[in-house]
Amino acid sequence: MEKITLKINNKDYTFLANSSESLATVIRERAGLTGTKIGCSQGSCGACTVIANGEPVLSCITPAFRFDNADIHTIEG
């Protein structure tokens, strides 16, 4: 488990996450923000897209730990 800190929709969060846990899973299950959808789990449908540090990211295939201290914006924010 790794400690990660994220700013999601201008709110600070700190989580313990497995190294294989996706950013989408952390956003949905840990932060409770269910607007980010997990459609195909392969990154091809785009339903999981969030903005991380100003860039679009396919959050269902991206490990959450790669975005420690990132500024994330979801459909809710």
N, C-alpha and C. Protein backbone atom coordinates (compact mmCIF):
# COMPACT_ATOMS: atom_id res chain seq x y z
N MET A 1 0.85 -1.18 0.00
CA MET A 1 0.00 0.00 0.00
C MET A 1 0.90 1.24 0.00
N GLU A 2 0.50 2.19 -0.81
CA GLU A 2 1.22 3.45 -0.89
C GLU A 2 0.29 4.60 -0.52
N LYS A 3 0.81 5.56 0.19
CA LYS A 3 0.04 6.75 0.54
C LYS A 3 0.10 7.71 -0.64
N ILE A 4 -1.07 8.14 -1.10
CA ILE A 4 -1.12 9.13 -2.18
C ILE A 4 -2.04 10.27 -1.75
N THR A 5 -1.67 11.44 -2.19
CA THR A 5 -2.47 12.63 -1.94
C THR A 5 -2.92 13.18 -3.28
N LEU A 6 -4.21 13.45 -3.39
CA LEU A 6 -4.78 13.99 -4.62
C LEU A 6 -5.64 15.19 -4.29
N LYS A 7 -5.66 16.14 -5.17
CA LYS A 7 -6.65 17.21 -5.10
C LYS A 7 -7.66 16.89 -6.20
N ILE A 8 -8.88 16.53 -5.78
CA ILE A 8 -9.92 16.16 -6.73
C ILE A 8 -11.03 17.19 -6.65
N ASN A 9 -11.26 17.87 -7.76
CA ASN A 9 -12.30 18.91 -7.81
C ASN A 9 -12.11 19.93 -6.69
N ASN A 10 -10.85 20.34 -6.49
CA ASN A 10 -10.46 21.36 -5.51
C ASN A 10 -10.62 20.94 -4.06
N LYS A 11 -10.70 19.64 -3.80
CA LYS A 11 -10.76 19.14 -2.43
C LYS A 11 -9.59 18.16 -2.23
N ASP A 12 -8.88 18.30 -1.11
CA ASP A 12 -7.73 17.44 -0.83
C ASP A 12 -8.15 16.10 -0.25
N TYR A 13 -7.52 15.03 -0.74
CA TYR A 13 -7.76 13.67 -0.27
C TYR A 13 -6.41 12.99 -0.05
N THR A 14 -6.35 12.11 0.93
CA THR A 14 -5.19 11.24 1.13
C THR A 14 -5.72 9.82 1.26
N PHE A 15 -5.09 8.90 0.53
CA PHE A 15 -5.53 7.51 0.48
C PHE A 15 -4.34 6.58 0.62
N LEU A 16 -4.61 5.36 1.06
CA LEU A 16 -3.66 4.26 0.92
C LEU A 16 -4.16 3.44 -0.26
N ALA A 17 -3.30 3.23 -1.24
CA ALA A 17 -3.71 2.53 -2.45
C ALA A 17 -2.69 1.46 -2.81
N ASN A 18 -3.18 0.36 -3.35
CA ASN A 18 -2.30 -0.67 -3.89
C ASN A 18 -1.61 -0.12 -5.13
N SER A 19 -0.43 -0.63 -5.43
CA SER A 19 0.30 -0.13 -6.59
C SER A 19 -0.43 -0.42 -7.90
N SER A 20 -1.32 -1.40 -7.91
CA SER A 20 -2.05 -1.73 -9.14
C SER A 20 -3.44 -1.09 -9.19
N GLU A 21 -3.82 -0.35 -8.16
CA GLU A 21 -5.16 0.24 -8.10
C GLU A 21 -5.27 1.41 -9.08
N SER A 22 -6.32 1.40 -9.89
CA SER A 22 -6.45 2.44 -10.91
C SER A 22 -6.92 3.76 -10.31
N LEU A 23 -6.61 4.82 -11.01
CA LEU A 23 -7.06 6.14 -10.60
C LEU A 23 -8.59 6.19 -10.57
N ALA A 24 -9.24 5.55 -11.52
CA ALA A 24 -10.71 5.52 -11.55
C ALA A 24 -11.29 4.85 -10.31
N THR A 25 -10.69 3.77 -9.89
CA THR A 25 -11.16 3.07 -8.69
C THR A 25 -11.01 3.94 -7.46
N VAL A 26 -9.89 4.61 -7.33
CA VAL A 26 -9.67 5.50 -6.18
C VAL A 26 -10.69 6.64 -6.20
N ILE A 27 -10.90 7.24 -7.35
CA ILE A 27 -11.87 8.34 -7.46
C ILE A 27 -13.27 7.86 -7.10
N ARG A 28 -13.67 6.72 -7.64
CA ARG A 28 -15.04 6.23 -7.42
C ARG A 28 -15.24 5.65 -6.02
N GLU A 29 -14.35 4.76 -5.60
CA GLU A 29 -14.58 4.01 -4.37
C GLU A 29 -14.05 4.71 -3.12
N ARG A 30 -12.95 5.41 -3.23
CA ARG A 30 -12.37 6.06 -2.06
C ARG A 30 -12.91 7.47 -1.86
N ALA A 31 -13.01 8.23 -2.97
CA ALA A 31 -13.50 9.60 -2.86
C ALA A 31 -15.02 9.67 -2.99
N GLY A 32 -15.64 8.60 -3.48
CA GLY A 32 -17.10 8.57 -3.60
C GLY A 32 -17.65 9.40 -4.74
N LEU A 33 -16.81 9.69 -5.73
CA LEU A 33 -17.22 10.49 -6.89
C LEU A 33 -17.52 9.55 -8.05
N THR A 34 -18.77 9.21 -8.21
CA THR A 34 -19.15 8.16 -9.16
C THR A 34 -19.45 8.67 -10.57
N GLY A 35 -19.23 9.93 -10.83
CA GLY A 35 -19.42 10.46 -12.18
C GLY A 35 -18.40 9.91 -13.16
N THR A 36 -17.21 9.59 -12.67
CA THR A 36 -16.18 8.96 -13.50
C THR A 36 -16.58 7.51 -13.68
N LYS A 37 -16.84 7.12 -14.90
CA LYS A 37 -17.34 5.77 -15.20
C LYS A 37 -16.21 4.84 -15.62
N ILE A 38 -16.40 3.57 -15.33
CA ILE A 38 -15.50 2.54 -15.83
C ILE A 38 -16.32 1.73 -16.82
N GLY A 39 -16.07 1.98 -18.10
CA GLY A 39 -16.85 1.32 -19.15
C GLY A 39 -16.19 0.05 -19.63
N CYS A 40 -15.10 0.18 -20.35
CA CYS A 40 -14.46 -0.96 -20.98
C CYS A 40 -13.30 -1.53 -20.16
N SER A 41 -12.78 -0.77 -19.22
CA SER A 41 -11.60 -1.15 -18.41
C SER A 41 -10.36 -1.39 -19.26
N GLN A 42 -10.35 -0.85 -20.47
CA GLN A 42 -9.21 -1.00 -21.38
C GLN A 42 -8.73 0.34 -21.92
N GLY A 43 -9.42 1.41 -21.58
CA GLY A 43 -9.02 2.73 -22.04
C GLY A 43 -9.46 3.09 -23.44
N SER A 44 -10.33 2.29 -24.04
CA SER A 44 -10.72 2.59 -25.42
C SER A 44 -12.04 3.36 -25.54
N CYS A 45 -12.90 3.31 -24.53
CA CYS A 45 -14.21 3.97 -24.67
C CYS A 45 -14.19 5.43 -24.21
N GLY A 46 -13.27 5.80 -23.33
CA GLY A 46 -13.15 7.19 -22.89
C GLY A 46 -14.07 7.59 -21.75
N ALA A 47 -14.92 6.69 -21.26
CA ALA A 47 -15.85 7.03 -20.18
C ALA A 47 -15.14 7.39 -18.89
N CYS A 48 -13.92 6.93 -18.73
CA CYS A 48 -13.16 7.16 -17.50
C CYS A 48 -12.28 8.40 -17.55
N THR A 49 -12.35 9.17 -18.61
CA THR A 49 -11.45 10.31 -18.79
C THR A 49 -11.63 11.36 -17.70
N VAL A 50 -10.51 11.74 -17.09
CA VAL A 50 -10.46 12.85 -16.14
C VAL A 50 -9.35 13.78 -16.60
N ILE A 51 -9.31 14.97 -16.04
CA ILE A 51 -8.24 15.91 -16.33
C ILE A 51 -7.28 15.90 -15.15
N ALA A 52 -6.03 15.55 -15.41
CA ALA A 52 -5.00 15.49 -14.37
C ALA A 52 -3.89 16.46 -14.74
N ASN A 53 -3.70 17.45 -13.88
CA ASN A 53 -2.69 18.49 -14.14
C ASN A 53 -2.85 19.10 -15.53
N GLY A 54 -4.11 19.30 -15.93
CA GLY A 54 -4.41 19.97 -17.19
C GLY A 54 -4.42 19.08 -18.42
N GLU A 55 -4.17 17.79 -18.26
CA GLU A 55 -4.12 16.86 -19.40
C GLU A 55 -5.17 15.77 -19.25
N PRO A 56 -5.81 15.33 -20.35
CA PRO A 56 -6.76 14.22 -20.25
C PRO A 56 -6.04 12.91 -19.94
N VAL A 57 -6.65 12.12 -19.05
CA VAL A 57 -6.06 10.85 -18.62
C VAL A 57 -7.16 9.79 -18.63
N LEU A 58 -6.86 8.62 -19.16
CA LEU A 58 -7.78 7.48 -19.10
C LEU A 58 -7.57 6.81 -17.74
N SER A 59 -8.42 7.15 -16.80
CA SER A 59 -8.18 6.77 -15.40
C SER A 59 -8.40 5.29 -15.10
N CYS A 60 -9.08 4.55 -15.97
CA CYS A 60 -9.31 3.13 -15.70
C CYS A 60 -8.07 2.28 -15.94
N ILE A 61 -7.11 2.79 -16.70
CA ILE A 61 -5.90 2.01 -17.00
C ILE A 61 -4.65 2.65 -16.42
N THR A 62 -4.82 3.69 -15.62
CA THR A 62 -3.69 4.42 -15.07
C THR A 62 -3.58 4.16 -13.57
N PRO A 63 -2.44 3.66 -13.09
CA PRO A 63 -2.28 3.45 -11.65
C PRO A 63 -2.38 4.77 -10.89
N ALA A 64 -3.12 4.75 -9.80
CA ALA A 64 -3.35 5.97 -9.01
C ALA A 64 -2.05 6.56 -8.48
N PHE A 65 -1.08 5.71 -8.09
CA PHE A 65 0.14 6.22 -7.48
C PHE A 65 0.93 7.14 -8.42
N ARG A 66 0.71 7.03 -9.72
CA ARG A 66 1.40 7.90 -10.68
C ARG A 66 0.96 9.35 -10.57
N PHE A 67 -0.15 9.59 -9.87
CA PHE A 67 -0.70 10.93 -9.77
C PHE A 67 -0.65 11.50 -8.36
N ASP A 68 0.28 10.99 -7.55
CA ASP A 68 0.46 11.55 -6.22
C ASP A 68 0.70 13.05 -6.34
N ASN A 69 -0.02 13.82 -5.55
CA ASN A 69 0.04 15.29 -5.53
C ASN A 69 -0.51 15.94 -6.80
N ALA A 70 -1.31 15.22 -7.56
CA ALA A 70 -1.88 15.78 -8.79
C ALA A 70 -3.16 16.55 -8.51
N ASP A 71 -3.48 17.43 -9.44
CA ASP A 71 -4.73 18.19 -9.43
C ASP A 71 -5.66 17.52 -10.44
N ILE A 72 -6.71 16.86 -9.95
CA ILE A 72 -7.61 16.06 -10.78
C ILE A 72 -8.96 16.75 -10.87
N HIS A 73 -9.53 16.77 -12.08
CA HIS A 73 -10.89 17.29 -12.27
C HIS A 73 -11.72 16.21 -12.95
N THR A 74 -12.88 15.93 -12.36
CA THR A 74 -13.79 14.93 -12.90
C THR A 74 -15.02 15.63 -13.47
N ILE A 75 -15.93 14.86 -14.00
CA ILE A 75 -17.18 15.39 -14.55
C ILE A 75 -17.97 16.15 -13.48
N GLU A 76 -17.79 15.78 -12.21
CA GLU A 76 -18.52 16.45 -11.13
C GLU A 76 -17.97 17.83 -10.80
N GLY A 77 -16.74 18.08 -11.20
CA GLY A 77 -16.12 19.32 -10.75
C GLY A 77 -15.71 20.25 -11.81
